[in-house]
Amino acid sequence: MPEIQIRRAQIDDAPGIADVAVESWKWGYQGVLPDKVIQSHSNKLEREEKVRSNWKPERAYFVAVTERDRVLGFVLESKPSF
């Protein structure tokens, strides 16, 4: 079984974060939301750009990665909107 590490994310993790975000969105909302809505949130390049453009170095970002540095999950600190 591969070893998994939790580490502080870097901006270079944006492609992996985007992959996980898109795949979890598709998996989590399939059958709940219309396919058209899911597809509108499934562009990995757009999601990567969104991750990069919203990156704030003063916030806490963490990734779970394999020993080969493949991103399996992530946590991004954000301020509550409520």
Protein backbone atom coordinates (compact mmCIF):
# COMPACT_ATOMS: atom_id res chain seq x y z
CA MET A 1 0.00 0.00 0.00
CA PRO A 2 1.44 3.40 -0.96
CA GLU A 3 2.37 5.79 1.79
CA ILE A 4 0.32 8.97 1.98
CA GLN A 5 1.67 12.25 3.31
CA ILE A 6 -0.10 15.43 4.32
CA ARG A 7 1.94 18.51 3.49
CA ARG A 8 1.55 22.21 2.90
CA ALA A 9 0.45 22.75 -0.70
CA GLN A 10 2.42 24.80 -3.18
CA ILE A 11 1.11 26.69 -6.20
CA ASP A 12 2.62 23.93 -8.35
CA ASP A 13 0.04 21.55 -6.86
CA ALA A 14 -2.72 23.45 -8.71
CA PRO A 15 -3.10 20.81 -11.47
CA GLY A 16 -3.52 18.02 -8.91
CA ILE A 17 -5.92 20.07 -6.81
CA ALA A 18 -7.94 20.83 -9.96
CA ASP A 19 -8.06 17.12 -10.87
CA VAL A 20 -9.37 16.16 -7.44
CA ALA A 21 -11.87 19.03 -7.38
CA VAL A 22 -13.31 18.16 -10.79
CA GLU A 23 -13.48 14.41 -10.19
CA SER A 24 -15.07 14.81 -6.75
CA TRP A 25 -17.59 17.29 -8.19
CA LYS A 26 -18.56 14.80 -10.92
CA TRP A 27 -18.76 11.87 -8.51
CA GLY A 28 -20.55 13.75 -5.75
CA TYR A 29 -23.24 15.37 -7.86
CA GLN A 30 -23.89 12.72 -10.51
CA GLY A 31 -27.58 11.89 -10.40
CA VAL A 32 -28.25 14.87 -8.12
CA LEU A 33 -27.70 17.74 -10.53
CA PRO A 34 -28.35 17.82 -14.27
CA ASP A 35 -25.42 16.60 -16.39
CA LYS A 36 -25.22 20.02 -18.03
CA VAL A 37 -24.50 21.65 -14.65
CA ILE A 38 -21.90 19.03 -13.78
CA GLN A 39 -20.19 19.46 -17.15
CA SER A 40 -20.05 23.22 -16.63
CA HIS A 41 -17.85 22.60 -13.57
CA SER A 42 -15.73 19.84 -15.12
CA ASN A 43 -13.07 21.68 -17.09
CA LYS A 44 -9.78 20.85 -15.38
CA LEU A 45 -7.81 23.63 -17.08
CA GLU A 46 -10.36 26.24 -16.02
CA ARG A 47 -10.38 24.86 -12.48
CA GLU A 48 -6.58 24.92 -12.36
CA GLU A 49 -6.59 28.56 -13.45
CA LYS A 50 -9.17 29.33 -10.76
CA VAL A 51 -6.97 27.66 -8.11
CA ARG A 52 -3.95 29.66 -9.28
CA SER A 53 -5.78 33.00 -9.54
CA ASN A 54 -7.35 32.62 -6.09
CA TRP A 55 -4.13 31.46 -4.40
CA LYS A 56 -3.33 33.50 -1.30
CA PRO A 57 0.04 32.60 0.24
CA GLU A 58 -1.06 33.81 3.68
CA ARG A 59 -3.80 31.14 3.85
CA ALA A 60 -3.35 27.50 4.81
CA TYR A 61 -3.46 25.00 1.95
CA PHE A 62 -2.72 21.32 2.47
CA VAL A 63 -2.63 18.32 0.17
CA ALA A 64 -2.64 14.58 0.73
CA VAL A 65 -0.11 13.08 -1.68
CA THR A 66 1.31 9.69 -2.61
CA GLU A 67 5.00 8.94 -2.37
CA ARG A 68 5.19 9.99 -6.04
CA ASP A 69 3.58 13.33 -5.16
CA ARG A 70 0.20 12.62 -6.80
CA VAL A 71 -2.50 14.72 -5.13
CA LEU A 72 -5.27 12.59 -3.61
CA GLY A 73 -7.06 15.26 -1.61
CA PHE A 74 -6.79 18.84 -0.44
CA VAL A 75 -7.94 21.38 2.13
CA LEU A 76 -8.01 25.08 1.38
CA GLU A 77 -8.60 27.58 4.15
CA SER A 78 -11.22 30.17 3.37
CA LYS A 79 -13.23 32.62 5.39
CA PRO A 80 -16.81 31.60 6.14
CA SER A 81 -19.38 33.24 3.90
CA PHE A 82 -22.14 33.22 6.50
